[in-house]
Amino acid sequence: MNAKRLFTHISLVIFMLVIATTGFSKEKFVKSKWTAQPPMIDGLDDDWSEDVLTTKKKLRVDYAVRNDAQNIYVLFVFKDPKFLSSINFTGITLYFNTEGKKKKDHGFHFTRKQVTADELIAYLEKKGEVLTEEQRQSIKAKPAYIVYMAEIAGKKGKEASETTQTPGSLRPAFKIKKKGEEVIYEFRVPLAKSETSPGGIGADPGHSIKVGFEWGGMTDELRKVMSASARAKSDLGVSREGKAQSQISTSRGQSRAPRPGRSSRAIPKKHSFWIDVKLAQNQ
């Protein structure tokens, strides 16, 4: 009898541990809202006026999720500019996991960049666009463009990122707009994974997924910018101090040697968090 009770107790403990460690948590699910009319991906929140936003208090970020049969849409609003960190250099990555785990195996890295005409042509062709000579010349008429890039990120995304997408196929997209002190990000990512949309999440309406957000921190580009800025400030400080010291003479006939300025550069913070999303079904 004691052995039977012990077995029952152990089984109960194991069951509770499984429940406690499962990837998805019903209490923390963000319910995606079914949308019959896809929102315009323009960085404006006008299409989301009827949605209830969820807040990440620690980072002062509001967000909402929608989906239809083809795509998931995410509204991501920075309420406090200080939490943008170095997002202008790093961009922002959205990770998607269909197993309820915080794995960075598959996602999309979204960046806004200024590119030359030749770089834009190369980017469009990589995405599957077939440009005529007239279109090429039209693009080359301007020296630079602002491009909103969406590149597949993560281990499982490497093979898909090297696959040229079929023109007109579903593609991830995003836009950014500033509204007062708020900075609004709006995203679209295809749900289904197929030959024409290799970067799809691999989830259907009604399924549950984990979504991770990551931005900030350092990049090689940002490191170079900060180093150049620090050198310029240091050189300016030495020049000013040397000029001031040359104008000061002491009764002892001595002057202080100039000391190079010290940079107090702060390393930009990297921010990240995950949410559980229950995709909506058409009713």
C-alpha atoms as a PDB file:
ATOM      1  CA  MET A   1       0.000   0.000   0.000  1.00  0.00           C
ATOM      2  CA  ASN A   2       2.799   2.383   0.911  1.00  0.00           C
ATOM      3  CA  ALA A   3       4.540   1.631  -2.384  1.00  0.00           C
ATOM      4  CA  LYS A   4       1.332   2.380  -4.275  1.00  0.00           C
ATOM      5  CA  ARG A   5       0.924   5.714  -2.477  1.00  0.00           C
ATOM      6  CA  LEU A   6       4.571   6.578  -3.150  1.00  0.00           C
ATOM      7  CA  PHE A   7       4.133   5.797  -6.842  1.00  0.00           C
ATOM      8  CA  THR A   8       0.990   7.959  -6.989  1.00  0.00           C
ATOM      9  CA  HIS A   9       2.785  10.811  -5.222  1.00  0.00           C
ATOM     10  CA  ILE A  10       5.764  10.644  -7.567  1.00  0.00           C
ATOM     11  CA  SER A  11       3.482  10.556 -10.608  1.00  0.00           C
ATOM     12  CA  LEU A  12       1.634  13.641  -9.332  1.00  0.00           C
ATOM     13  CA  VAL A  13       4.894  15.524  -8.789  1.00  0.00           C
ATOM     14  CA  ILE A  14       6.097  14.660 -12.303  1.00  0.00           C
ATOM     15  CA  PHE A  15       2.762  15.764 -13.754  1.00  0.00           C
ATOM     16  CA  MET A  16       2.966  19.100 -11.927  1.00  0.00           C
ATOM     17  CA  LEU A  17       6.535  19.645 -13.138  1.00  0.00           C
ATOM     18  CA  VAL A  18       5.484  18.997 -16.720  1.00  0.00           C
ATOM     19  CA  ILE A  19       2.662  21.515 -16.390  1.00  0.00           C
ATOM     20  CA  ALA A  20       4.959  24.081 -14.786  1.00  0.00           C
ATOM     21  CA  THR A  21       7.659  23.776 -17.436  1.00  0.00           C
ATOM     22  CA  THR A  22       5.529  23.549 -20.561  1.00  0.00           C
ATOM     23  CA  GLY A  23       6.345  26.108 -23.238  1.00  0.00           C
ATOM     24  CA  PHE A  24       2.952  27.738 -23.401  1.00  0.00           C
ATOM     25  CA  SER A  25       1.134  29.328 -20.485  1.00  0.00           C
ATOM     26  CA  LYS A  26      -2.614  29.798 -20.884  1.00  0.00           C
ATOM     27  CA  GLU A  27      -2.697  32.698 -18.451  1.00  0.00           C
ATOM     28  CA  LYS A  28      -0.108  34.695 -20.417  1.00  0.00           C
ATOM     29  CA  PHE A  29      -1.421  34.218 -23.939  1.00  0.00           C
ATOM     30  CA  VAL A  30      -1.881  37.283 -26.098  1.00  0.00           C
ATOM     31  CA  LYS A  31      -4.931  36.653 -28.241  1.00  0.00           C
ATOM     32  CA  SER A  32      -4.460  37.591 -31.845  1.00  0.00           C
ATOM     33  CA  LYS A  33      -7.440  39.288 -33.450  1.00  0.00           C
ATOM     34  CA  TRP A  34      -8.813  37.979 -36.729  1.00  0.00           C
ATOM     35  CA  THR A  35      -8.761  40.620 -39.431  1.00  0.00           C
ATOM     36  CA  ALA A  36     -10.813  40.406 -42.597  1.00  0.00           C
ATOM     37  CA  GLN A  37      -9.186  43.609 -43.830  1.00  0.00           C
ATOM     38  CA  PRO A  38      -5.366  43.461 -43.555  1.00  0.00           C
ATOM     39  CA  PRO A  39      -3.881  46.610 -42.004  1.00  0.00           C
ATOM     40  CA  MET A  40      -1.888  48.863 -44.290  1.00  0.00           C
ATOM     41  CA  ILE A  41       1.790  48.426 -43.390  1.00  0.00           C
ATOM     42  CA  ASP A  42       2.612  52.125 -43.210  1.00  0.00           C
ATOM     43  CA  GLY A  43       3.839  52.616 -39.641  1.00  0.00           C
ATOM     44  CA  LEU A  44       0.604  54.318 -38.598  1.00  0.00           C
ATOM     45  CA  ASP A  45      -1.688  52.993 -35.885  1.00  0.00           C
ATOM     46  CA  ASP A  46      -4.933  54.232 -37.466  1.00  0.00           C
ATOM     47  CA  ASP A  47      -5.918  50.689 -38.487  1.00  0.00           C
ATOM     48  CA  TRP A  48      -5.423  49.506 -34.901  1.00  0.00           C
ATOM     49  CA  SER A  49      -7.696  51.995 -33.140  1.00  0.00           C
ATOM     50  CA  GLU A  50     -10.146  49.279 -32.030  1.00  0.00           C
ATOM     51  CA  ASP A  51      -7.460  46.884 -30.750  1.00  0.00           C
ATOM     52  CA  VAL A  52      -6.635  46.491 -27.070  1.00  0.00           C
ATOM     53  CA  LEU A  53      -2.894  46.981 -26.641  1.00  0.00           C
ATOM     54  CA  THR A  54      -0.801  44.945 -24.221  1.00  0.00           C
ATOM     55  CA  THR A  55       1.938  46.778 -22.308  1.00  0.00           C
ATOM     56  CA  LYS A  56       5.452  45.657 -21.456  1.00  0.00           C
ATOM     57  CA  LYS A  57       5.808  47.986 -18.491  1.00  0.00           C
ATOM     58  CA  LYS A  58       9.529  47.490 -17.941  1.00  0.00           C
ATOM     59  CA  LEU A  59      10.336  48.701 -21.455  1.00  0.00           C
ATOM     60  CA  ARG A  60       7.407  51.091 -21.934  1.00  0.00           C
ATOM     61  CA  VAL A  61       6.277  49.256 -25.059  1.00  0.00           C
ATOM     62  CA  ASP A  62       2.701  48.625 -26.235  1.00  0.00           C
ATOM     63  CA  TYR A  63       1.855  45.922 -28.752  1.00  0.00           C
ATOM     64  CA  ALA A  64      -1.030  44.169 -30.457  1.00  0.00           C
ATOM     65  CA  VAL A  65      -1.314  41.160 -32.772  1.00  0.00           C
ATOM     66  CA  ARG A  66      -3.645  40.341 -35.645  1.00  0.00           C
ATOM     67  CA  ASN A  67      -3.777  37.630 -38.270  1.00  0.00           C
ATOM     68  CA  ASP A  68      -5.718  36.381 -41.237  1.00  0.00           C
ATOM     69  CA  ALA A  69      -5.296  33.149 -43.178  1.00  0.00           C
ATOM     70  CA  GLN A  70      -2.021  34.298 -44.768  1.00  0.00           C
ATOM     71  CA  ASN A  71      -0.179  36.614 -42.396  1.00  0.00           C
ATOM     72  CA  ILE A  72       0.451  37.697 -38.832  1.00  0.00           C
ATOM     73  CA  TYR A  73       0.490  41.459 -38.200  1.00  0.00           C
ATOM     74  CA  VAL A  74       2.186  43.126 -35.234  1.00  0.00           C
ATOM     75  CA  LEU A  75       1.892  46.681 -33.957  1.00  0.00           C
ATOM     76  CA  PHE A  76       4.835  47.645 -31.720  1.00  0.00           C
ATOM     77  CA  VAL A  77       4.848  51.095 -30.094  1.00  0.00           C
ATOM     78  CA  PHE A  78       7.748  52.631 -28.161  1.00  0.00           C
ATOM     79  CA  LYS A  79       6.243  55.016 -25.597  1.00  0.00           C
ATOM     80  CA  ASP A  80       9.618  56.197 -24.232  1.00  0.00           C
ATOM     81  CA  PRO A  81      12.437  57.040 -26.704  1.00  0.00           C
ATOM     82  CA  LYS A  82      15.151  56.007 -24.239  1.00  0.00           C
ATOM     83  CA  PHE A  83      14.214  52.347 -24.722  1.00  0.00           C
ATOM     84  CA  LEU A  84      14.910  52.565 -28.439  1.00  0.00           C
ATOM     85  CA  SER A  85      18.559  52.045 -27.509  1.00  0.00           C
ATOM     86  CA  SER A  86      20.598  51.651 -30.721  1.00  0.00           C
ATOM     87  CA  ILE A  87      17.691  50.364 -32.811  1.00  0.00           C
ATOM     88  CA  ASN A  88      18.527  52.765 -35.654  1.00  0.00           C
ATOM     89  CA  PHE A  89      21.767  50.821 -36.129  1.00  0.00           C
ATOM     90  CA  THR A  90      20.757  47.325 -35.012  1.00  0.00           C
ATOM     91  CA  GLY A  91      17.221  47.169 -36.355  1.00  0.00           C
ATOM     92  CA  ILE A  92      14.802  44.827 -34.601  1.00  0.00           C
ATOM     93  CA  THR A  93      14.447  41.043 -34.895  1.00  0.00           C
ATOM     94  CA  LEU A  94      11.201  39.121 -34.457  1.00  0.00           C
ATOM     95  CA  TYR A  95      11.624  35.410 -33.685  1.00  0.00           C
ATOM     96  CA  PHE A  96       8.849  32.839 -34.121  1.00  0.00           C
ATOM     97  CA  ASN A  97       8.648  29.387 -32.541  1.00  0.00           C
ATOM     98  CA  THR A  98       5.782  26.934 -33.017  1.00  0.00           C
ATOM     99  CA  GLU A  99       6.879  24.608 -30.175  1.00  0.00           C
ATOM    100  CA  GLY A 100       6.367  27.065 -27.336  1.00  0.00           C
ATOM    101  CA  LYS A 101      10.124  27.492 -26.789  1.00  0.00           C
ATOM    102  CA  LYS A 102      12.313  30.569 -26.615  1.00  0.00           C
ATOM    103  CA  LYS A 103      14.464  29.474 -29.519  1.00  0.00           C
ATOM    104  CA  LYS A 104      16.026  31.851 -32.014  1.00  0.00           C
ATOM    105  CA  ASP A 105      15.984  29.291 -34.808  1.00  0.00           C
ATOM    106  CA  HIS A 106      13.759  31.279 -37.134  1.00  0.00           C
ATOM    107  CA  GLY A 107      12.802  34.902 -37.423  1.00  0.00           C
ATOM    108  CA  PHE A 108      13.184  38.113 -39.387  1.00  0.00           C
ATOM    109  CA  HIS A 109      15.624  40.956 -38.946  1.00  0.00           C
ATOM    110  CA  PHE A 110      14.020  44.283 -39.862  1.00  0.00           C
ATOM    111  CA  THR A 111      16.253  47.262 -40.644  1.00  0.00           C
ATOM    112  CA  ARG A 112      15.836  50.659 -42.231  1.00  0.00           C
ATOM    113  CA  LYS A 113      18.872  51.653 -44.276  1.00  0.00           C
ATOM    114  CA  GLN A 114      20.010  54.246 -46.745  1.00  0.00           C
ATOM    115  CA  VAL A 115      21.389  52.515 -49.826  1.00  0.00           C
ATOM    116  CA  THR A 116      22.804  53.537 -53.174  1.00  0.00           C
ATOM    117  CA  ALA A 117      20.920  52.950 -56.410  1.00  0.00           C
ATOM    118  CA  ASP A 118      23.118  49.953 -57.258  1.00  0.00           C
ATOM    119  CA  GLU A 119      22.569  48.465 -53.776  1.00  0.00           C
ATOM    120  CA  LEU A 120      18.803  48.862 -54.173  1.00  0.00           C
ATOM    121  CA  ILE A 121      18.859  47.082 -57.524  1.00  0.00           C
ATOM    122  CA  ALA A 122      20.872  44.213 -56.034  1.00  0.00           C
ATOM    123  CA  TYR A 123      18.469  43.978 -53.069  1.00  0.00           C
ATOM    124  CA  LEU A 124      15.365  43.899 -55.282  1.00  0.00           C
ATOM    125  CA  GLU A 125      16.848  41.219 -57.526  1.00  0.00           C
ATOM    126  CA  LYS A 126      17.781  39.138 -54.487  1.00  0.00           C
ATOM    127  CA  LYS A 127      14.133  39.305 -53.451  1.00  0.00           C
ATOM    128  CA  GLY A 128      13.045  37.931 -56.805  1.00  0.00           C
ATOM    129  CA  GLU A 129      12.221  41.130 -58.693  1.00  0.00           C
ATOM    130  CA  VAL A 130      12.861  41.052 -62.441  1.00  0.00           C
ATOM    131  CA  LEU A 131      13.817  44.591 -63.416  1.00  0.00           C
ATOM    132  CA  THR A 132      13.727  45.920 -66.948  1.00  0.00           C
ATOM    133  CA  GLU A 133      16.512  48.149 -68.222  1.00  0.00           C
ATOM    134  CA  GLU A 134      14.099  51.077 -68.073  1.00  0.00           C
ATOM    135  CA  GLN A 135      13.398  50.364 -64.387  1.00  0.00           C
ATOM    136  CA  ARG A 136      17.114  50.115 -63.661  1.00  0.00           C
ATOM    137  CA  GLN A 137      17.788  53.475 -65.263  1.00  0.00           C
ATOM    138  CA  SER A 138      14.859  54.996 -63.380  1.00  0.00           C
ATOM    139  CA  ILE A 139      16.304  53.772 -60.075  1.00  0.00           C
ATOM    140  CA  LYS A 140      19.768  55.066 -60.972  1.00  0.00           C
ATOM    141  CA  ALA A 141      18.288  58.519 -61.523  1.00  0.00           C
ATOM    142  CA  LYS A 142      18.496  59.034 -57.750  1.00  0.00           C
ATOM    143  CA  PRO A 143      21.768  58.587 -55.826  1.00  0.00           C
ATOM    144  CA  ALA A 144      20.269  57.141 -52.638  1.00  0.00           C
ATOM    145  CA  TYR A 145      17.124  55.525 -51.207  1.00  0.00           C
ATOM    146  CA  ILE A 146      15.654  54.641 -47.833  1.00  0.00           C
ATOM    147  CA  VAL A 147      14.871  50.926 -47.840  1.00  0.00           C
ATOM    148  CA  TYR A 148      12.933  48.888 -45.281  1.00  0.00           C
ATOM    149  CA  MET A 149      14.713  45.541 -45.331  1.00  0.00           C
ATOM    150  CA  ALA A 150      13.440  42.238 -43.956  1.00  0.00           C
ATOM    151  CA  GLU A 151      16.032  39.453 -43.892  1.00  0.00           C
ATOM    152  CA  ILE A 152      15.478  35.937 -42.590  1.00  0.00           C
ATOM    153  CA  ALA A 153      17.340  35.401 -39.310  1.00  0.00           C
ATOM    154  CA  GLY A 154      18.138  32.364 -37.201  1.00  0.00           C
ATOM    155  CA  LYS A 155      19.625  28.911 -37.761  1.00  0.00           C
ATOM    156  CA  LYS A 156      16.684  27.443 -39.657  1.00  0.00           C
ATOM    157  CA  GLY A 157      16.342  30.571 -41.736  1.00  0.00           C
ATOM    158  CA  LYS A 158      19.762  30.327 -43.375  1.00  0.00           C
ATOM    159  CA  GLU A 159      18.685  27.970 -46.152  1.00  0.00           C
ATOM    160  CA  ALA A 160      15.489  29.916 -46.789  1.00  0.00           C
ATOM    161  CA  SER A 161      17.361  33.230 -46.889  1.00  0.00           C
ATOM    162  CA  GLU A 162      19.445  31.920 -49.779  1.00  0.00           C
ATOM    163  CA  THR A 163      16.316  30.985 -51.742  1.00  0.00           C
ATOM    164  CA  THR A 164      15.080  33.551 -54.239  1.00  0.00           C
ATOM    165  CA  GLN A 165      11.427  34.251 -53.638  1.00  0.00           C
ATOM    166  CA  THR A 166       8.902  34.090 -56.430  1.00  0.00           C
ATOM    167  CA  PRO A 167       7.840  37.595 -57.546  1.00  0.00           C
ATOM    168  CA  GLY A 168       4.488  38.530 -56.053  1.00  0.00           C
ATOM    169  CA  SER A 169       4.743  35.943 -53.270  1.00  0.00           C
ATOM    170  CA  LEU A 170       3.933  36.765 -49.675  1.00  0.00           C
ATOM    171  CA  ARG A 171       6.815  38.588 -48.047  1.00  0.00           C
ATOM    172  CA  PRO A 172       7.599  40.056 -44.651  1.00  0.00           C
ATOM    173  CA  ALA A 173       7.366  43.838 -44.474  1.00  0.00           C
ATOM    174  CA  PHE A 174       7.535  46.664 -41.948  1.00  0.00           C
ATOM    175  CA  LYS A 175       7.389  50.442 -41.650  1.00  0.00           C
ATOM    176  CA  ILE A 176       8.296  53.014 -38.991  1.00  0.00           C
ATOM    177  CA  LYS A 177       6.638  56.316 -38.098  1.00  0.00           C
ATOM    178  CA  LYS A 178       7.167  58.857 -35.338  1.00  0.00           C
ATOM    179  CA  LYS A 179       4.059  60.197 -33.621  1.00  0.00           C
ATOM    180  CA  GLY A 180       4.924  62.824 -31.025  1.00  0.00           C
ATOM    181  CA  GLU A 181       7.216  61.072 -28.545  1.00  0.00           C
ATOM    182  CA  GLU A 182       6.057  57.647 -29.723  1.00  0.00           C
ATOM    183  CA  VAL A 183       7.826  55.575 -32.363  1.00  0.00           C
ATOM    184  CA  ILE A 184       5.548  53.093 -34.131  1.00  0.00           C
ATOM    185  CA  TYR A 185       6.696  49.880 -35.801  1.00  0.00           C
ATOM    186  CA  GLU A 186       4.251  47.872 -37.901  1.00  0.00           C
ATOM    187  CA  PHE A 187       5.090  44.359 -39.183  1.00  0.00           C
ATOM    188  CA  ARG A 188       3.699  41.733 -41.533  1.00  0.00           C
ATOM    189  CA  VAL A 189       5.050  38.150 -41.641  1.00  0.00           C
ATOM    190  CA  PRO A 190       3.659  35.231 -43.694  1.00  0.00           C
ATOM    191  CA  LEU A 191       2.256  32.329 -41.684  1.00  0.00           C
ATOM    192  CA  ALA A 192       2.542  29.422 -44.094  1.00  0.00           C
ATOM    193  CA  LYS A 193       5.884  28.118 -45.278  1.00  0.00           C
ATOM    194  CA  SER A 194       5.987  27.155 -48.949  1.00  0.00           C
ATOM    195  CA  GLU A 195       8.197  27.170 -52.027  1.00  0.00           C
ATOM    196  CA  THR A 196       7.057  30.693 -52.884  1.00  0.00           C
ATOM    197  CA  SER A 197       7.334  31.869 -49.270  1.00  0.00           C
ATOM    198  CA  PRO A 198      10.292  29.992 -47.715  1.00  0.00           C
ATOM    199  CA  GLY A 199      10.435  32.341 -44.757  1.00  0.00           C
ATOM    200  CA  GLY A 200       6.948  31.551 -43.481  1.00  0.00           C
ATOM    201  CA  ILE A 201       6.500  30.767 -39.803  1.00  0.00           C
ATOM    202  CA  GLY A 202       4.922  27.382 -40.452  1.00  0.00           C
ATOM    203  CA  ALA A 203       1.813  28.033 -38.373  1.00  0.00           C
ATOM    204  CA  ASP A 204      -1.887  28.022 -39.233  1.00  0.00           C
ATOM    205  CA  PRO A 205      -4.762  30.121 -37.846  1.00  0.00           C
ATOM    206  CA  GLY A 206      -5.809  28.743 -34.468  1.00  0.00           C
ATOM    207  CA  HIS A 207      -2.297  27.579 -33.561  1.00  0.00           C
ATOM    208  CA  SER A 208      -0.195  28.882 -30.660  1.00  0.00           C
ATOM    209  CA  ILE A 209       3.268  30.345 -31.194  1.00  0.00           C
ATOM    210  CA  LYS A 210       5.947  32.132 -29.236  1.00  0.00           C
ATOM    211  CA  VAL A 211       7.134  35.494 -30.540  1.00  0.00           C
ATOM    212  CA  GLY A 212      10.396  37.069 -29.422  1.00  0.00           C
ATOM    213  CA  PHE A 213      11.459  40.703 -29.846  1.00  0.00           C
ATOM    214  CA  GLU A 214      15.120  41.763 -29.751  1.00  0.00           C
ATOM    215  CA  TRP A 215      16.829  45.081 -30.464  1.00  0.00           C
ATOM    216  CA  GLY A 216      19.651  47.348 -29.298  1.00  0.00           C
ATOM    217  CA  GLY A 217      23.181  46.477 -28.239  1.00  0.00           C
ATOM    218  CA  MET A 218      26.275  46.880 -30.384  1.00  0.00           C
ATOM    219  CA  THR A 219      27.051  46.323 -34.033  1.00  0.00           C
ATOM    220  CA  ASP A 220      30.309  46.721 -35.950  1.00  0.00           C
ATOM    221  CA  GLU A 221      28.873  49.764 -37.681  1.00  0.00           C
ATOM    222  CA  LEU A 222      27.857  51.383 -34.408  1.00  0.00           C
ATOM    223  CA  ARG A 223      31.216  50.546 -32.830  1.00  0.00           C
ATOM    224  CA  LYS A 224      33.009  52.372 -35.645  1.00  0.00           C
ATOM    225  CA  VAL A 225      30.740  55.405 -35.306  1.00  0.00           C
ATOM    226  CA  MET A 226      31.275  55.575 -31.539  1.00  0.00           C
ATOM    227  CA  SER A 227      35.042  55.157 -31.891  1.00  0.00           C
ATOM    228  CA  ALA A 228      35.235  57.949 -34.479  1.00  0.00           C
ATOM    229  CA  SER A 229      33.125  60.216 -32.284  1.00  0.00           C
ATOM    230  CA  ALA A 230      35.298  59.491 -29.231  1.00  0.00           C
ATOM    231  CA  ARG A 231      38.494  60.248 -31.161  1.00  0.00           C
ATOM    232  CA  ALA A 232      37.070  63.528 -32.426  1.00  0.00           C
ATOM    233  CA  LYS A 233      36.064  64.601 -28.912  1.00  0.00           C
ATOM    234  CA  SER A 234      39.425  63.552 -27.522  1.00  0.00           C
ATOM    235  CA  ASP A 235      41.327  65.504 -30.181  1.00  0.00           C
ATOM    236  CA  LEU A 236      39.139  68.553 -29.578  1.00  0.00           C
ATOM    237  CA  GLY A 237      39.719  68.308 -25.811  1.00  0.00           C
ATOM    238  CA  VAL A 238      43.495  68.061 -26.205  1.00  0.00           C
ATOM    239  CA  SER A 239      43.526  71.000 -28.602  1.00  0.00           C
ATOM    240  CA  ARG A 240      41.527  73.217 -26.228  1.00  0.00           C
ATOM    241  CA  GLU A 241      43.543  72.252 -23.171  1.00  0.00           C
ATOM    242  CA  GLY A 242      46.836  72.808 -24.987  1.00  0.00           C
ATOM    243  CA  LYS A 243      45.730  76.251 -26.106  1.00  0.00           C
ATOM    244  CA  ALA A 244      44.624  77.204 -22.597  1.00  0.00           C
ATOM    245  CA  GLN A 245      47.846  75.951 -20.990  1.00  0.00           C
ATOM    246  CA  SER A 246      49.976  77.885 -23.459  1.00  0.00           C
ATOM    247  CA  GLN A 247      48.334  81.083 -22.238  1.00  0.00           C
ATOM    248  CA  ILE A 248      49.001  80.356 -18.573  1.00  0.00           C
ATOM    249  CA  SER A 249      52.370  80.933 -17.018  1.00  0.00           C
ATOM    250  CA  THR A 250      53.151  80.272 -13.413  1.00  0.00           C
ATOM    251  CA  SER A 251      55.657  82.000 -11.106  1.00  0.00           C
ATOM    252  CA  ARG A 252      57.670  78.805 -11.222  1.00  0.00           C
ATOM    253  CA  GLY A 253      57.902  78.941 -14.981  1.00  0.00           C
ATOM    254  CA  GLN A 254      56.077  75.660 -15.309  1.00  0.00           C
ATOM    255  CA  SER A 255      52.941  74.653 -17.130  1.00  0.00           C
ATOM    256  CA  ARG A 256      50.843  71.537 -16.958  1.00  0.00           C
ATOM    257  CA  ALA A 257      51.140  69.071 -19.805  1.00  0.00           C
ATOM    258  CA  PRO A 258      47.915  68.486 -21.734  1.00  0.00           C
ATOM    259  CA  ARG A 259      46.123  65.264 -20.872  1.00  0.00           C
ATOM    260  CA  PRO A 260      44.133  63.391 -23.478  1.00  0.00           C
ATOM    261  CA  GLY A 261      40.397  63.474 -22.811  1.00  0.00           C
ATOM    262  CA  ARG A 262      38.751  60.313 -21.591  1.00  0.00           C
ATOM    263  CA  SER A 263      35.646  59.009 -23.249  1.00  0.00           C
ATOM    264  CA  SER A 264      32.761  57.952 -21.048  1.00  0.00           C
ATOM    265  CA  ARG A 265      30.944  56.117 -23.831  1.00  0.00           C
ATOM    266  CA  ALA A 266      27.994  54.076 -22.609  1.00  0.00           C
ATOM    267  CA  ILE A 267      27.401  50.718 -24.235  1.00  0.00           C
ATOM    268  CA  PRO A 268      23.864  50.642 -25.688  1.00  0.00           C
ATOM    269  CA  LYS A 269      21.622  48.133 -23.941  1.00  0.00           C
ATOM    270  CA  LYS A 270      20.187  45.130 -25.715  1.00  0.00           C
ATOM    271  CA  HIS A 271      16.504  44.572 -24.966  1.00  0.00           C
ATOM    272  CA  SER A 272      14.462  41.443 -25.553  1.00  0.00           C
ATOM    273  CA  PHE A 273      11.333  39.651 -24.385  1.00  0.00           C
ATOM    274  CA  TRP A 274       8.989  36.850 -25.493  1.00  0.00           C
ATOM    275  CA  ILE A 275       5.222  36.537 -25.647  1.00  0.00           C
ATOM    276  CA  ASP A 276       2.828  33.626 -26.232  1.00  0.00           C
ATOM    277  CA  VAL A 277       0.362  34.288 -29.038  1.00  0.00           C
ATOM    278  CA  LYS A 278      -2.840  32.417 -29.794  1.00  0.00           C
ATOM    279  CA  LEU A 279      -3.567  32.914 -33.499  1.00  0.00           C
ATOM    280  CA  ALA A 280      -7.187  33.667 -34.310  1.00  0.00           C
ATOM    281  CA  GLN A 281      -9.420  31.594 -36.584  1.00  0.00           C
ATOM    282  CA  ASN A 282     -11.970  32.872 -39.034  1.00  0.00           C
ATOM    283  CA  GLN A 283     -15.438  32.478 -37.505  1.00  0.00           C
END
